[in-house]
Every structure is written in C-alpha cells, then in structure tokens.
Amino acid sequence: MSVVVPDWPAPPNVRAFVTTKAEGDMARGSAARKALPVPAAPRWLRQVHGAAVIEADAIGEGAEEPVADGAIARRRGTVCSVTVADCMPVLLTDRSGSVVSVAHAGWRGLCAGVLEAAAEAMRARELMAWMGPAIGPAVYEVGEEVREAFVSRDTGASDAFRASARPGHWLLDLYAVARRRLRASGVESIHGGGFCTYTDTERFFSYRRDRTACRMAAAVWLA
C-alpha cells in the first residue's frame, strides 16, 4: 500500500500509518477499510469533533461504533483508527511502547481538548506524538469566531493565526495549535506536521477542496 508511515522515534512494537488516495475511500461503510494491512479489524469511531476518548480494548470486533474522537489501546493487536480529510490525525505512544492512542483533531476537537484527553487517558510517562496529514496553514481560512474560541481559552494561541486577505478572516495553523496543546499536556517529543491535504491533490482527500465524503484512515497499534 502507498501509505504515509510516521517518522518518529517510536519503539519497534508500535506500528502506524495513514492511508492516501491510492488506497481509496476509507469513509464509514467503505469496503476498502477491510483491506487495511492490520492484525485485526480496526476499532472505528463515530466522530463528532469532540474530546471524548475511549478504551479501544473494550470494544469487540463488529460492535457498534462508539461516539468519540480518540481511542487508546494497551493490548497487542488492538487497532485504534480514525478517518480524516483535512482534520489532523494525531498518534501518540510512550517511550516504552506500552500504550498507543489516536485522536481526530480538527479545530473543534483541538479547541475542546481532545489531545489533552488522549494524553491523560494513556496514563503513561515520556509520551511522544506524531501529527499526520491535515489542511495546511497557508490555505486554512477561518472566521473570527474560530480565533475567538481558541484565544478566549489561551491567549497564546493567537500565535497560530495570521490575518487573511479577507477582512474578519484568519489563516489557522492547526499544527501550531496541536504542538501547543501537546506541550501543555507534558508531551515534549512531537513529530510530523508539514503536510497539506488541500494542496497535495495527488495524495490526499480534502473536504474543503472537493466537498467530498471520501476519507483517509489513520491507524496505530501495538505489535
């Protein structure tokens, strides 16, 4: 498969990837999801742009998808997965490779605290994170209400915004916000970023670019 493999110093028993357009649509109900090269059926989520994080080990194969935007696993072979197409998939693990997590982090999830919730639920020290493909800061234009949502909670978040050519609009750097939130949660080893799902038309689906229901999948598990 033509996938994006995280470039991070994770232990060798931590496996992860993000699919690209080459693997097809990974949206809910797509048959393509069954072809993912993982040891077991992934634990999918009913994503709502919130901050809920669930224990994927407790979800049986074929069970109803829980409403959540993050998942953690401690057992070998439990695959934590999210689907994305502009929102950022953030993968986490610890230095000893005892736990993994995935978070679906668009602006609403970041603002709600999904990364902080994932880090806390892992209950581990020396966490590291990898930020996967998301819409980039050169093109992600948002309204004043989005900037206010972040800055009202953290004035330092203003550094992630720069004025757009359109009055009352801003260009938002999701990666900068994620780094800030991760560091606030004690995660110092942060990797990835630098992708842009909107401008990289060959590799990635983008909801904002194409208004498509197609999605990529991000998966992480312990081998």
Protein backbone atom coordinates (compact mmCIF):
# COMPACT_ATOMS: atom_id res chain seq x y z
CA MET A 1 0.00 0.00 0.00
CA SER A 2 1.08 3.57 -0.66
CA VAL A 3 0.74 4.94 2.85
CA VAL A 4 2.31 7.64 5.00
CA VAL A 5 4.40 6.00 7.71
CA PRO A 6 5.15 8.21 10.73
CA ASP A 7 8.69 9.46 11.05
CA TRP A 8 9.04 9.38 14.83
CA PRO A 9 11.24 7.57 17.38
CA ALA A 10 8.53 5.14 18.45
CA PRO A 11 9.51 1.73 19.87
CA PRO A 12 9.68 -1.07 17.26
CA ASN A 13 6.48 -2.71 18.54
CA VAL A 14 4.44 0.40 17.66
CA ARG A 15 3.00 0.23 14.15
CA ALA A 16 1.15 3.05 12.41
CA PHE A 17 0.25 4.58 9.06
CA VAL A 18 -2.12 6.96 7.30
CA THR A 19 -3.65 5.89 4.00
CA THR A 20 -3.61 8.04 0.87
CA LYS A 21 -5.95 8.45 -2.09
CA ALA A 22 -4.19 5.49 -3.72
CA GLU A 23 -5.91 3.13 -1.26
CA GLY A 24 -9.33 4.60 -1.97
CA ASP A 25 -12.08 5.94 0.23
CA MET A 26 -11.93 4.85 3.87
CA ALA A 27 -15.19 6.55 4.85
CA ARG A 28 -17.70 4.69 7.01
CA GLY A 29 -19.14 1.69 5.21
CA SER A 30 -16.43 1.56 2.54
CA ALA A 31 -15.28 -1.93 1.60
CA ALA A 32 -11.77 -0.57 1.24
CA ARG A 33 -11.43 -0.44 5.01
CA LYS A 34 -11.42 -4.23 5.12
CA ALA A 35 -8.23 -4.26 3.08
CA LEU A 36 -6.13 -2.35 5.63
CA PRO A 37 -2.91 -4.25 6.48
CA VAL A 38 -3.62 -4.54 10.19
CA PRO A 39 -3.70 -7.57 12.53
CA ALA A 40 -7.39 -7.29 13.36
CA ALA A 41 -10.48 -5.31 12.42
CA PRO A 42 -9.83 -1.68 13.39
CA ARG A 43 -11.89 -0.10 16.15
CA TRP A 44 -13.64 2.73 14.32
CA LEU A 45 -15.31 5.68 16.00
CA ARG A 46 -18.41 7.74 15.32
CA GLN A 47 -16.53 11.01 15.18
CA VAL A 48 -18.32 14.19 16.30
CA HIS A 49 -15.46 16.73 16.60
CA GLY A 50 -15.47 16.41 20.37
CA ALA A 51 -13.00 15.43 23.09
CA ALA A 52 -14.23 12.01 24.20
CA VAL A 53 -11.55 9.29 24.26
CA ILE A 54 -12.44 5.61 24.65
CA GLU A 55 -10.60 2.41 25.56
CA ALA A 56 -10.41 0.52 22.27
CA ASP A 57 -9.51 -2.74 24.04
CA ALA A 58 -13.04 -2.83 25.46
CA ILE A 59 -14.71 -2.68 22.03
CA GLY A 60 -15.40 -6.06 20.48
CA GLU A 61 -14.94 -6.65 16.77
CA GLY A 62 -18.14 -5.79 14.96
CA ALA A 63 -19.51 -3.80 17.89
CA GLU A 64 -21.37 -0.54 17.33
CA GLU A 65 -19.02 2.37 16.79
CA PRO A 66 -18.77 4.47 19.97
CA VAL A 67 -19.24 8.23 19.83
CA ALA A 68 -15.72 9.55 20.38
CA ASP A 69 -12.84 11.33 18.69
CA GLY A 70 -9.98 9.47 20.30
CA ALA A 71 -9.05 5.95 21.34
CA ILE A 72 -6.28 4.24 23.30
CA ALA A 73 -5.09 0.64 23.41
CA ARG A 74 -2.78 -1.33 25.68
CA ARG A 75 -3.29 -4.82 24.25
CA ARG A 76 -1.28 -6.15 21.33
CA GLY A 77 -3.23 -6.16 18.09
CA THR A 78 -5.97 -3.70 19.05
CA VAL A 79 -6.01 -1.21 16.17
CA CYS A 80 -7.07 2.36 17.00
CA SER A 81 -8.38 4.20 13.94
CA VAL A 82 -9.89 7.47 12.79
CA THR A 83 -10.87 8.81 9.38
CA VAL A 84 -9.79 12.25 8.16
CA ALA A 85 -9.89 14.62 5.18
CA ASP A 86 -8.46 17.98 6.41
CA CYS A 87 -8.76 17.35 10.16
CA MET A 88 -5.50 16.18 11.72
CA PRO A 89 -4.85 12.62 12.89
CA VAL A 90 -2.56 12.71 15.92
CA LEU A 91 -0.87 9.49 17.03
CA LEU A 92 0.67 9.02 20.47
CA THR A 93 2.69 6.39 22.26
CA ASP A 94 5.09 6.21 25.19
CA ARG A 95 8.82 5.60 25.18
CA SER A 96 8.40 2.02 26.40
CA GLY A 97 5.74 1.08 23.85
CA SER A 98 3.12 0.08 26.41
CA VAL A 99 0.18 2.13 25.07
CA VAL A 100 -0.93 3.86 21.87
CA SER A 101 -3.56 6.43 21.04
CA VAL A 102 -5.11 8.16 18.05
CA ALA A 103 -7.04 11.43 18.04
CA HIS A 104 -9.20 13.09 15.39
CA ALA A 105 -8.15 16.72 15.77
CA GLY A 106 -9.87 19.33 13.66
CA TRP A 107 -10.23 22.82 15.05
CA ARG A 108 -13.28 21.91 17.13
CA GLY A 109 -11.61 18.86 18.64
CA LEU A 110 -8.42 20.78 19.37
CA CYS A 111 -10.39 23.55 20.99
CA ALA A 112 -12.42 21.06 23.05
CA GLY A 113 -9.25 19.38 24.33
CA VAL A 114 -9.13 16.02 22.53
CA LEU A 115 -5.32 15.90 22.67
CA GLU A 116 -5.22 16.64 26.38
CA ALA A 117 -7.88 13.97 26.95
CA ALA A 118 -5.93 11.39 24.97
CA ALA A 119 -2.67 12.10 26.80
CA GLU A 120 -4.38 11.91 30.17
CA ALA A 121 -6.19 8.66 29.34
CA MET A 122 -2.91 6.98 28.39
CA ARG A 123 -1.62 7.27 31.97
CA ALA A 124 1.98 6.96 30.84
CA ARG A 125 5.21 8.89 31.06
CA GLU A 126 7.53 10.05 28.29
CA LEU A 127 4.83 10.38 25.68
CA MET A 128 5.61 11.19 22.07
CA ALA A 129 3.28 12.36 19.29
CA TRP A 130 3.15 12.40 15.51
CA MET A 131 0.93 14.86 13.64
CA GLY A 132 -0.40 13.45 10.39
CA PRO A 133 -1.77 14.99 7.18
CA ALA A 134 -4.09 17.96 7.70
CA ILE A 135 -5.04 21.15 5.90
CA GLY A 136 -2.05 23.47 5.94
CA PRO A 137 -1.65 26.96 7.44
CA ALA A 138 -1.24 28.67 4.07
CA VAL A 139 -4.80 27.82 2.99
CA TYR A 140 -6.87 27.07 6.09
CA GLU A 141 -9.01 30.19 6.31
CA VAL A 142 -11.38 30.51 9.27
CA GLY A 143 -13.67 33.17 10.68
CA GLU A 144 -13.23 35.40 13.69
CA GLU A 145 -15.37 33.06 15.80
CA VAL A 146 -12.78 30.28 15.44
CA ARG A 147 -9.94 32.54 16.55
CA GLU A 148 -12.01 33.76 19.49
CA ALA A 149 -12.80 30.18 20.53
CA PHE A 150 -9.09 29.46 20.93
CA VAL A 151 -7.84 32.80 22.24
CA SER A 152 -10.58 33.05 24.87
CA ARG A 153 -9.17 29.87 26.43
CA ASP A 154 -5.49 30.55 25.78
CA THR A 155 -4.23 33.97 24.73
CA GLY A 156 -1.00 32.41 23.47
CA ALA A 157 -2.97 30.58 20.79
CA SER A 158 -3.10 33.86 18.87
CA ASP A 159 0.36 32.99 17.52
CA ALA A 160 -1.26 30.23 15.41
CA PHE A 161 -3.33 32.77 13.46
CA ARG A 162 -2.34 35.31 10.85
CA ALA A 163 -4.62 37.75 9.10
CA SER A 164 -6.17 36.62 5.84
CA ALA A 165 -6.65 38.84 2.80
CA ARG A 166 -10.36 38.79 3.59
CA PRO A 167 -11.41 41.13 6.41
CA GLY A 168 -12.57 39.26 9.51
CA HIS A 169 -10.85 36.05 8.47
CA TRP A 170 -7.68 34.31 9.58
CA LEU A 171 -5.31 31.61 8.40
CA LEU A 172 -5.07 28.95 11.10
CA ASP A 173 -2.05 26.73 11.69
CA LEU A 174 -3.54 23.53 13.13
CA TYR A 175 -0.08 22.09 13.65
CA ALA A 176 0.98 25.05 15.80
CA VAL A 177 -2.13 24.69 17.95
CA ALA A 178 -1.57 20.95 18.32
CA ARG A 179 2.06 21.46 19.37
CA ARG A 180 0.97 23.98 21.97
CA ARG A 181 -1.73 21.68 23.36
CA LEU A 182 0.58 18.67 23.42
CA ARG A 183 3.35 20.53 25.23
CA ALA A 184 0.80 21.76 27.78
CA SER A 185 0.00 18.08 28.40
CA GLY A 186 3.64 17.24 29.01
CA VAL A 187 4.38 15.83 25.56
CA GLU A 188 7.79 17.18 24.52
CA SER A 189 8.68 14.72 21.73
CA ILE A 190 6.47 15.99 18.89
CA HIS A 191 6.96 14.98 15.27
CA GLY A 192 5.26 15.22 11.89
CA GLY A 193 3.39 18.21 10.56
CA GLY A 194 4.23 19.99 7.35
CA PHE A 195 1.56 18.24 5.27
CA CYS A 196 -1.31 19.93 3.47
CA THR A 197 -4.27 17.83 2.42
CA TYR A 198 -5.76 20.77 0.48
CA THR A 199 -2.80 21.48 -1.80
CA ASP A 200 -1.44 17.91 -2.14
CA THR A 201 -4.10 16.84 -4.61
CA GLU A 202 -2.24 13.70 -5.69
CA ARG A 203 -2.03 12.07 -2.26
CA PHE A 204 -4.85 13.29 -0.07
CA PHE A 205 -8.60 13.76 0.05
CA SER A 206 -9.73 17.21 1.19
CA TYR A 207 -13.26 18.06 2.24
CA ARG A 208 -12.68 21.79 1.88
CA ARG A 209 -11.18 21.43 -1.59
CA ASP A 210 -13.60 18.91 -3.07
CA ARG A 211 -16.59 18.86 -0.68
CA THR A 212 -16.18 15.10 -0.79
CA ALA A 213 -17.28 12.43 1.65
CA CYS A 214 -14.11 10.48 0.91
CA ARG A 215 -11.69 9.96 3.80
CA MET A 216 -8.23 8.66 4.59
CA ALA A 217 -7.65 6.38 7.57
CA ALA A 218 -5.07 6.70 10.35
CA ALA A 219 -4.26 3.57 12.33
CA VAL A 220 -1.95 2.75 15.24
CA TRP A 221 -1.46 -0.44 17.26
CA LEU A 222 0.96 -2.47 19.37
CA ALA A 223 2.52 -5.47 17.62
